Amino acid sequence: MKRKPKISVEECCEEFYDKNIFHAIIAGIDGWSVLLDAYSKSVTEADTSFSSIDPTLFRQEMTAVRMEVFALAFARKVKREDLTLVQSFFTRRYLEENGKLDIWDIMLEYNRAISDSATLTATLERMEDWRVEKSNLAKWEFFKKWWDTNIGGPIDDPSASTEEQKMLAKCVARVANRIGADMRRADCAAAKRLAARLAERLECDINLSYEALFRLAATIFGFYRGAEEYLKSISL
């Protein structure tokens, strides 16, 4: 049996981002752009109103969704808190170095949607209060643990933190937000919540048909499966 190549977390993320999103050039063709065109056409087939969506906006949002979904797949694959933090820190740095911090900011919207999905029913309604409180407590305990370990400073007074500490805290918080979320839950709540947030940000959520939303959710789930397949091909 062929041994999987062992690479670092940073190498893993950089390879995935480069080859699939930011430098996905094969024979002079931008593969990510080709896929985006296909996704847009598929949704438009289900709802012609989608044809009015600005392609640049669509690319930004879909890029942010794909990177956030990759982060969730990564967390489920490695099952190690320290590695998920490395992934978050690196992603922020990668986007900064590539002049794409706007994508980092947009990712937060989908990170929050993923966080929401952990306590949503199949119909995207809020679960019982005790489930929500338990979920929030788990996220807070994770954040506090890694704040003490990796950041330091007064956790109850953000104004006293340095800019570096604030940046690191945001990276830790995003990892915390993924706790309890499961893209493979049978009711597909995570993919549906992400699709709904995507439609909201594209400003077409009110008019978009059920079939169009379904296709967006299916595309997002496809991102997750693709991330899983990539992560299966390597060893960290």
C-alpha atoms as a PDB file:
ATOM      1  CA  MET A   1       0.000   0.000   0.000  1.00  0.00           C
ATOM      2  CA  LYS A   2       1.313   3.417  -0.975  1.00  0.00           C
ATOM      3  CA  ARG A   3       2.150   5.527   2.046  1.00  0.00           C
ATOM      4  CA  LYS A   4       0.373   8.887   2.293  1.00  0.00           C
ATOM      5  CA  PRO A   5       2.694  11.893   2.174  1.00  0.00           C
ATOM      6  CA  LYS A   6       3.233  13.426   5.617  1.00  0.00           C
ATOM      7  CA  ILE A   7       2.978  17.203   5.597  1.00  0.00           C
ATOM      8  CA  SER A   8       2.534  19.994   8.111  1.00  0.00           C
ATOM      9  CA  VAL A   9      -0.759  21.739   8.806  1.00  0.00           C
ATOM     10  CA  GLU A  10       0.564  24.831   7.057  1.00  0.00           C
ATOM     11  CA  GLU A  11       1.585  22.848   3.972  1.00  0.00           C
ATOM     12  CA  CYS A  12      -1.785  21.104   3.927  1.00  0.00           C
ATOM     13  CA  CYS A  13      -3.746  24.354   3.988  1.00  0.00           C
ATOM     14  CA  GLU A  14      -1.503  26.171   1.537  1.00  0.00           C
ATOM     15  CA  GLU A  15      -1.681  23.336  -0.959  1.00  0.00           C
ATOM     16  CA  PHE A  16      -5.472  23.137  -0.752  1.00  0.00           C
ATOM     17  CA  TYR A  17      -5.993  26.899  -0.998  1.00  0.00           C
ATOM     18  CA  ASP A  18      -3.501  27.316  -3.829  1.00  0.00           C
ATOM     19  CA  LYS A  19      -4.573  24.386  -5.973  1.00  0.00           C
ATOM     20  CA  ASN A  20      -8.329  24.682  -5.466  1.00  0.00           C
ATOM     21  CA  ILE A  21      -9.003  28.399  -5.073  1.00  0.00           C
ATOM     22  CA  PHE A  22      -6.396  31.100  -5.450  1.00  0.00           C
ATOM     23  CA  HIS A  23      -3.992  29.603  -7.968  1.00  0.00           C
ATOM     24  CA  ALA A  24      -6.153  26.888  -9.521  1.00  0.00           C
ATOM     25  CA  ILE A  25      -4.639  27.298 -12.979  1.00  0.00           C
ATOM     26  CA  ILE A  26      -4.470  24.228 -15.239  1.00  0.00           C
ATOM     27  CA  ALA A  27      -3.347  24.652 -18.863  1.00  0.00           C
ATOM     28  CA  GLY A  28      -3.966  28.379 -18.526  1.00  0.00           C
ATOM     29  CA  ILE A  29      -7.521  27.906 -17.285  1.00  0.00           C
ATOM     30  CA  ASP A  30      -8.704  29.057 -13.850  1.00  0.00           C
ATOM     31  CA  GLY A  31     -10.402  25.961 -12.507  1.00  0.00           C
ATOM     32  CA  TRP A  32     -12.116  27.781  -9.645  1.00  0.00           C
ATOM     33  CA  SER A  33     -13.674  30.263 -12.076  1.00  0.00           C
ATOM     34  CA  VAL A  34     -14.929  27.405 -14.259  1.00  0.00           C
ATOM     35  CA  LEU A  35     -16.536  25.737 -11.254  1.00  0.00           C
ATOM     36  CA  LEU A  36     -18.130  28.984 -10.115  1.00  0.00           C
ATOM     37  CA  ASP A  37     -19.673  29.486 -13.543  1.00  0.00           C
ATOM     38  CA  ALA A  38     -21.079  25.961 -13.398  1.00  0.00           C
ATOM     39  CA  TYR A  39     -22.507  26.488  -9.915  1.00  0.00           C
ATOM     40  CA  SER A  40     -24.099  29.786 -10.924  1.00  0.00           C
ATOM     41  CA  LYS A  41     -25.662  28.241 -14.042  1.00  0.00           C
ATOM     42  CA  SER A  42     -27.042  25.332 -12.020  1.00  0.00           C
ATOM     43  CA  VAL A  43     -28.763  27.642  -9.531  1.00  0.00           C
ATOM     44  CA  THR A  44     -30.006  29.888 -12.345  1.00  0.00           C
ATOM     45  CA  GLU A  45     -31.602  26.863 -14.025  1.00  0.00           C
ATOM     46  CA  ALA A  46     -33.654  26.436 -10.868  1.00  0.00           C
ATOM     47  CA  ASP A  47     -34.416  30.141 -10.490  1.00  0.00           C
ATOM     48  CA  THR A  48     -33.739  32.646 -13.273  1.00  0.00           C
ATOM     49  CA  SER A  49     -33.602  35.543 -10.781  1.00  0.00           C
ATOM     50  CA  PHE A  50     -30.178  34.256  -9.748  1.00  0.00           C
ATOM     51  CA  SER A  51     -28.750  35.415 -13.091  1.00  0.00           C
ATOM     52  CA  SER A  52     -28.703  38.986 -11.744  1.00  0.00           C
ATOM     53  CA  ILE A  53     -26.134  38.134  -9.046  1.00  0.00           C
ATOM     54  CA  ASP A  54     -22.851  40.005  -9.476  1.00  0.00           C
ATOM     55  CA  PRO A  55     -20.157  37.432 -10.451  1.00  0.00           C
ATOM     56  CA  THR A  56     -17.494  39.195  -8.372  1.00  0.00           C
ATOM     57  CA  LEU A  57     -19.703  39.100  -5.277  1.00  0.00           C
ATOM     58  CA  PHE A  58     -20.574  35.469  -5.953  1.00  0.00           C
ATOM     59  CA  ARG A  59     -16.887  34.569  -6.189  1.00  0.00           C
ATOM     60  CA  GLN A  60     -16.040  36.315  -2.924  1.00  0.00           C
ATOM     61  CA  GLU A  61     -18.867  34.674  -1.006  1.00  0.00           C
ATOM     62  CA  MET A  62     -18.295  31.210  -2.437  1.00  0.00           C
ATOM     63  CA  THR A  63     -14.579  31.451  -1.716  1.00  0.00           C
ATOM     64  CA  ALA A  64     -15.329  32.343   1.908  1.00  0.00           C
ATOM     65  CA  VAL A  65     -17.862  29.515   2.201  1.00  0.00           C
ATOM     66  CA  ARG A  66     -15.446  26.969   0.744  1.00  0.00           C
ATOM     67  CA  MET A  67     -12.629  27.990   3.061  1.00  0.00           C
ATOM     68  CA  GLU A  68     -14.879  27.900   6.112  1.00  0.00           C
ATOM     69  CA  VAL A  69     -16.212  24.481   5.153  1.00  0.00           C
ATOM     70  CA  PHE A  70     -12.644  23.257   4.666  1.00  0.00           C
ATOM     71  CA  ALA A  71     -11.855  24.413   8.213  1.00  0.00           C
ATOM     72  CA  LEU A  72     -14.782  22.379   9.554  1.00  0.00           C
ATOM     73  CA  ALA A  73     -13.704  19.301   7.602  1.00  0.00           C
ATOM     74  CA  PHE A  74     -10.156  19.779   8.893  1.00  0.00           C
ATOM     75  CA  ALA A  75     -11.357  19.946  12.493  1.00  0.00           C
ATOM     76  CA  ARG A  76     -13.368  16.747  12.095  1.00  0.00           C
ATOM     77  CA  LYS A  77     -10.444  14.994  10.430  1.00  0.00           C
ATOM     78  CA  VAL A  78      -7.650  15.784  12.888  1.00  0.00           C
ATOM     79  CA  LYS A  79      -9.684  15.796  16.114  1.00  0.00           C
ATOM     80  CA  ARG A  80      -6.853  17.716  17.819  1.00  0.00           C
ATOM     81  CA  GLU A  81      -7.468  21.134  19.300  1.00  0.00           C
ATOM     82  CA  ASP A  82      -3.882  22.309  18.848  1.00  0.00           C
ATOM     83  CA  LEU A  83      -3.894  21.491  15.131  1.00  0.00           C
ATOM     84  CA  THR A  84      -7.221  23.230  14.552  1.00  0.00           C
ATOM     85  CA  LEU A  85      -5.726  26.353  16.088  1.00  0.00           C
ATOM     86  CA  VAL A  86      -2.677  26.125  13.835  1.00  0.00           C
ATOM     87  CA  GLN A  87      -5.050  25.832  10.873  1.00  0.00           C
ATOM     88  CA  SER A  88      -6.949  28.944  11.943  1.00  0.00           C
ATOM     89  CA  PHE A  89      -3.808  31.004  12.606  1.00  0.00           C
ATOM     90  CA  PHE A  90      -2.287  29.973   9.279  1.00  0.00           C
ATOM     91  CA  THR A  91      -5.441  30.697   7.278  1.00  0.00           C
ATOM     92  CA  ARG A  92      -5.603  34.230   8.577  1.00  0.00           C
ATOM     93  CA  ARG A  93      -1.914  34.777   7.815  1.00  0.00           C
ATOM     94  CA  TYR A  94      -2.217  33.197   4.354  1.00  0.00           C
ATOM     95  CA  LEU A  95      -5.066  35.510   3.397  1.00  0.00           C
ATOM     96  CA  GLU A  96      -3.220  38.549   4.736  1.00  0.00           C
ATOM     97  CA  GLU A  97      -0.073  37.689   2.783  1.00  0.00           C
ATOM     98  CA  ASN A  98      -2.132  37.200  -0.376  1.00  0.00           C
ATOM     99  CA  GLY A  99      -3.986  40.487   0.034  1.00  0.00           C
ATOM    100  CA  LYS A 100      -7.273  38.682   0.712  1.00  0.00           C
ATOM    101  CA  LEU A 101      -8.212  39.751   4.225  1.00  0.00           C
ATOM    102  CA  ASP A 102     -11.640  40.654   2.850  1.00  0.00           C
ATOM    103  CA  ILE A 103     -12.211  36.910   2.490  1.00  0.00           C
ATOM    104  CA  TRP A 104     -11.217  36.405   6.139  1.00  0.00           C
ATOM    105  CA  ASP A 105     -13.820  38.954   7.186  1.00  0.00           C
ATOM    106  CA  ILE A 106     -16.522  37.308   5.058  1.00  0.00           C
ATOM    107  CA  MET A 107     -15.634  33.878   6.447  1.00  0.00           C
ATOM    108  CA  LEU A 108     -16.805  35.073   9.852  1.00  0.00           C
ATOM    109  CA  GLU A 109     -20.385  35.230   8.538  1.00  0.00           C
ATOM    110  CA  TYR A 110     -20.256  31.564   7.593  1.00  0.00           C
ATOM    111  CA  ASN A 111     -18.367  30.632  10.731  1.00  0.00           C
ATOM    112  CA  ARG A 112     -21.299  32.033  12.708  1.00  0.00           C
ATOM    113  CA  ALA A 113     -23.730  30.114  10.509  1.00  0.00           C
ATOM    114  CA  ILE A 114     -21.827  26.907  11.242  1.00  0.00           C
ATOM    115  CA  SER A 115     -21.944  27.750  14.941  1.00  0.00           C
ATOM    116  CA  ASP A 116     -25.710  28.265  14.711  1.00  0.00           C
ATOM    117  CA  SER A 117     -26.200  24.947  12.937  1.00  0.00           C
ATOM    118  CA  ALA A 118     -25.052  22.980  15.985  1.00  0.00           C
ATOM    119  CA  THR A 119     -28.275  23.927  17.792  1.00  0.00           C
ATOM    120  CA  LEU A 120     -30.743  24.085  14.913  1.00  0.00           C
ATOM    121  CA  THR A 121     -33.357  21.508  14.002  1.00  0.00           C
ATOM    122  CA  ALA A 122     -33.876  20.077  10.523  1.00  0.00           C
ATOM    123  CA  THR A 123     -36.229  22.986   9.777  1.00  0.00           C
ATOM    124  CA  LEU A 124     -33.592  25.467  11.036  1.00  0.00           C
ATOM    125  CA  GLU A 125     -35.478  26.259  14.229  1.00  0.00           C
ATOM    126  CA  ARG A 126     -33.681  26.807  17.526  1.00  0.00           C
ATOM    127  CA  MET A 127     -33.363  23.752  19.758  1.00  0.00           C
ATOM    128  CA  GLU A 128     -34.325  23.716  23.435  1.00  0.00           C
ATOM    129  CA  ASP A 129     -32.624  26.314  25.632  1.00  0.00           C
ATOM    130  CA  TRP A 130     -30.658  23.719  27.577  1.00  0.00           C
ATOM    131  CA  ARG A 131     -29.059  22.411  24.378  1.00  0.00           C
ATOM    132  CA  VAL A 132     -28.099  25.920  23.313  1.00  0.00           C
ATOM    133  CA  GLU A 133     -26.662  26.691  26.748  1.00  0.00           C
ATOM    134  CA  LYS A 134     -24.648  23.461  26.747  1.00  0.00           C
ATOM    135  CA  SER A 135     -23.273  24.257  23.291  1.00  0.00           C
ATOM    136  CA  ASN A 136     -22.356  27.808  24.265  1.00  0.00           C
ATOM    137  CA  LEU A 137     -20.644  26.605  27.439  1.00  0.00           C
ATOM    138  CA  ALA A 138     -18.482  24.146  25.477  1.00  0.00           C
ATOM    139  CA  LYS A 139     -17.406  26.933  23.133  1.00  0.00           C
ATOM    140  CA  TRP A 140     -16.636  29.299  25.986  1.00  0.00           C
ATOM    141  CA  GLU A 141     -14.591  26.712  27.880  1.00  0.00           C
ATOM    142  CA  PHE A 142     -12.573  25.969  24.745  1.00  0.00           C
ATOM    143  CA  PHE A 143     -11.969  29.663  24.145  1.00  0.00           C
ATOM    144  CA  LYS A 144     -10.933  30.343  27.741  1.00  0.00           C
ATOM    145  CA  LYS A 145      -8.580  27.346  27.817  1.00  0.00           C
ATOM    146  CA  TRP A 146      -6.729  28.391  24.687  1.00  0.00           C
ATOM    147  CA  TRP A 147      -6.770  32.068  25.572  1.00  0.00           C
ATOM    148  CA  ASP A 148      -4.875  31.206  28.743  1.00  0.00           C
ATOM    149  CA  THR A 149      -2.503  28.905  26.836  1.00  0.00           C
ATOM    150  CA  ASN A 150      -1.843  30.837  23.635  1.00  0.00           C
ATOM    151  CA  ILE A 151      -2.774  34.461  24.203  1.00  0.00           C
ATOM    152  CA  GLY A 152      -2.740  35.617  27.818  1.00  0.00           C
ATOM    153  CA  GLY A 153      -3.794  38.992  29.105  1.00  0.00           C
ATOM    154  CA  PRO A 154      -7.085  40.000  30.766  1.00  0.00           C
ATOM    155  CA  ILE A 155      -9.779  37.941  29.078  1.00  0.00           C
ATOM    156  CA  ASP A 156     -12.524  40.054  30.653  1.00  0.00           C
ATOM    157  CA  ASP A 157     -11.090  43.328  29.322  1.00  0.00           C
ATOM    158  CA  PRO A 158     -10.481  43.146  25.549  1.00  0.00           C
ATOM    159  CA  SER A 159      -9.519  46.834  25.467  1.00  0.00           C
ATOM    160  CA  ALA A 160      -6.393  45.957  27.446  1.00  0.00           C
ATOM    161  CA  SER A 161      -5.244  43.453  24.839  1.00  0.00           C
ATOM    162  CA  THR A 162      -2.677  44.180  22.148  1.00  0.00           C
ATOM    163  CA  GLU A 163      -3.661  44.092  18.472  1.00  0.00           C
ATOM    164  CA  GLU A 164      -1.811  40.794  18.145  1.00  0.00           C
ATOM    165  CA  GLN A 165      -3.749  39.312  21.061  1.00  0.00           C
ATOM    166  CA  LYS A 166      -7.047  40.481  19.567  1.00  0.00           C
ATOM    167  CA  MET A 167      -6.179  38.880  16.231  1.00  0.00           C
ATOM    168  CA  LEU A 168      -5.224  35.580  17.863  1.00  0.00           C
ATOM    169  CA  ALA A 169      -8.385  35.656  19.985  1.00  0.00           C
ATOM    170  CA  LYS A 170     -10.506  35.941  16.845  1.00  0.00           C
ATOM    171  CA  CYS A 171      -8.740  32.901  15.379  1.00  0.00           C
ATOM    172  CA  VAL A 172      -9.423  30.909  18.555  1.00  0.00           C
ATOM    173  CA  ALA A 173     -13.061  32.026  18.614  1.00  0.00           C
ATOM    174  CA  ARG A 174     -13.598  30.743  15.084  1.00  0.00           C
ATOM    175  CA  VAL A 175     -12.335  27.316  16.059  1.00  0.00           C
ATOM    176  CA  ALA A 176     -14.624  27.380  19.099  1.00  0.00           C
ATOM    177  CA  ASN A 177     -17.596  28.225  16.907  1.00  0.00           C
ATOM    178  CA  ARG A 178     -17.195  24.963  14.995  1.00  0.00           C
ATOM    179  CA  ILE A 179     -17.633  22.827  18.117  1.00  0.00           C
ATOM    180  CA  GLY A 180     -20.694  20.608  17.818  1.00  0.00           C
ATOM    181  CA  ALA A 181     -21.324  21.398  14.153  1.00  0.00           C
ATOM    182  CA  ASP A 182     -21.684  18.386  11.869  1.00  0.00           C
ATOM    183  CA  MET A 183     -21.916  18.741   8.109  1.00  0.00           C
ATOM    184  CA  ARG A 184     -22.833  15.061   7.850  1.00  0.00           C
ATOM    185  CA  ARG A 185     -25.837  15.217  10.141  1.00  0.00           C
ATOM    186  CA  ALA A 186     -28.693  13.370   8.451  1.00  0.00           C
ATOM    187  CA  ASP A 187     -30.935  16.444   8.340  1.00  0.00           C
ATOM    188  CA  CYS A 188     -28.262  18.547   6.551  1.00  0.00           C
ATOM    189  CA  ALA A 189     -28.886  21.475   8.926  1.00  0.00           C
ATOM    190  CA  ALA A 190     -25.351  22.843   8.502  1.00  0.00           C
ATOM    191  CA  ALA A 191     -25.447  22.906   4.699  1.00  0.00           C
ATOM    192  CA  LYS A 192     -28.949  24.389   4.722  1.00  0.00           C
ATOM    193  CA  ARG A 193     -27.978  27.095   7.218  1.00  0.00           C
ATOM    194  CA  LEU A 194     -24.912  27.992   5.171  1.00  0.00           C
ATOM    195  CA  ALA A 195     -26.976  28.121   1.984  1.00  0.00           C
ATOM    196  CA  ALA A 196     -29.515  30.379   3.661  1.00  0.00           C
ATOM    197  CA  ARG A 197     -26.777  32.738   4.882  1.00  0.00           C
ATOM    198  CA  LEU A 198     -25.192  32.755   1.436  1.00  0.00           C
ATOM    199  CA  ALA A 199     -28.523  33.676  -0.145  1.00  0.00           C
ATOM    200  CA  GLU A 200     -28.969  36.460   2.410  1.00  0.00           C
ATOM    201  CA  ARG A 201     -25.564  37.916   1.647  1.00  0.00           C
ATOM    202  CA  LEU A 202     -26.232  37.708  -2.089  1.00  0.00           C
ATOM    203  CA  GLU A 203     -29.480  39.589  -1.326  1.00  0.00           C
ATOM    204  CA  CYS A 204     -31.661  37.018  -3.037  1.00  0.00           C
ATOM    205  CA  ASP A 205     -32.931  35.044  -0.043  1.00  0.00           C
ATOM    206  CA  ILE A 206     -36.510  36.361  -0.164  1.00  0.00           C
ATOM    207  CA  ASN A 207     -37.153  35.479  -3.774  1.00  0.00           C
ATOM    208  CA  LEU A 208     -35.011  32.382  -4.252  1.00  0.00           C
ATOM    209  CA  SER A 209     -36.917  29.161  -4.912  1.00  0.00           C
ATOM    210  CA  TYR A 210     -36.636  26.026  -2.786  1.00  0.00           C
ATOM    211  CA  GLU A 211     -34.878  24.177  -5.609  1.00  0.00           C
ATOM    212  CA  ALA A 212     -32.311  26.955  -5.993  1.00  0.00           C
ATOM    213  CA  LEU A 213     -31.582  26.917  -2.249  1.00  0.00           C
ATOM    214  CA  PHE A 214     -31.304  23.134  -2.389  1.00  0.00           C
ATOM    215  CA  ARG A 215     -28.715  23.415  -5.151  1.00  0.00           C
ATOM    216  CA  LEU A 216     -26.711  25.926  -3.150  1.00  0.00           C
ATOM    217  CA  ALA A 217     -26.791  23.595  -0.134  1.00  0.00           C
ATOM    218  CA  ALA A 218     -25.769  20.644  -2.318  1.00  0.00           C
ATOM    219  CA  THR A 219     -22.841  22.651  -3.664  1.00  0.00           C
ATOM    220  CA  ILE A 220     -21.731  23.515  -0.147  1.00  0.00           C
ATOM    221  CA  PHE A 221     -21.967  19.886   0.919  1.00  0.00           C
ATOM    222  CA  GLY A 222     -19.872  19.072  -2.148  1.00  0.00           C
ATOM    223  CA  PHE A 223     -17.209  21.444  -0.824  1.00  0.00           C
ATOM    224  CA  TYR A 224     -17.184  19.454   2.391  1.00  0.00           C
ATOM    225  CA  ARG A 225     -16.840  16.116   0.642  1.00  0.00           C
ATOM    226  CA  GLY A 226     -14.061  17.492  -1.522  1.00  0.00           C
ATOM    227  CA  ALA A 227     -12.204  18.701   1.564  1.00  0.00           C
ATOM    228  CA  GLU A 228     -12.659  15.285   3.173  1.00  0.00           C
ATOM    229  CA  GLU A 229     -11.219  13.533   0.130  1.00  0.00           C
ATOM    230  CA  TYR A 230      -8.210  15.815   0.084  1.00  0.00           C
ATOM    231  CA  LEU A 231      -7.586  15.320   3.802  1.00  0.00           C
ATOM    232  CA  LYS A 232      -7.822  11.541   3.370  1.00  0.00           C
ATOM    233  CA  SER A 233      -5.022  11.702   0.804  1.00  0.00           C
ATOM    234  CA  ILE A 234      -2.460  13.135   3.222  1.00  0.00           C
ATOM    235  CA  SER A 235      -1.013  12.443   6.633  1.00  0.00           C
ATOM    236  CA  LEU A 236      -0.545  15.211   9.178  1.00  0.00           C
END
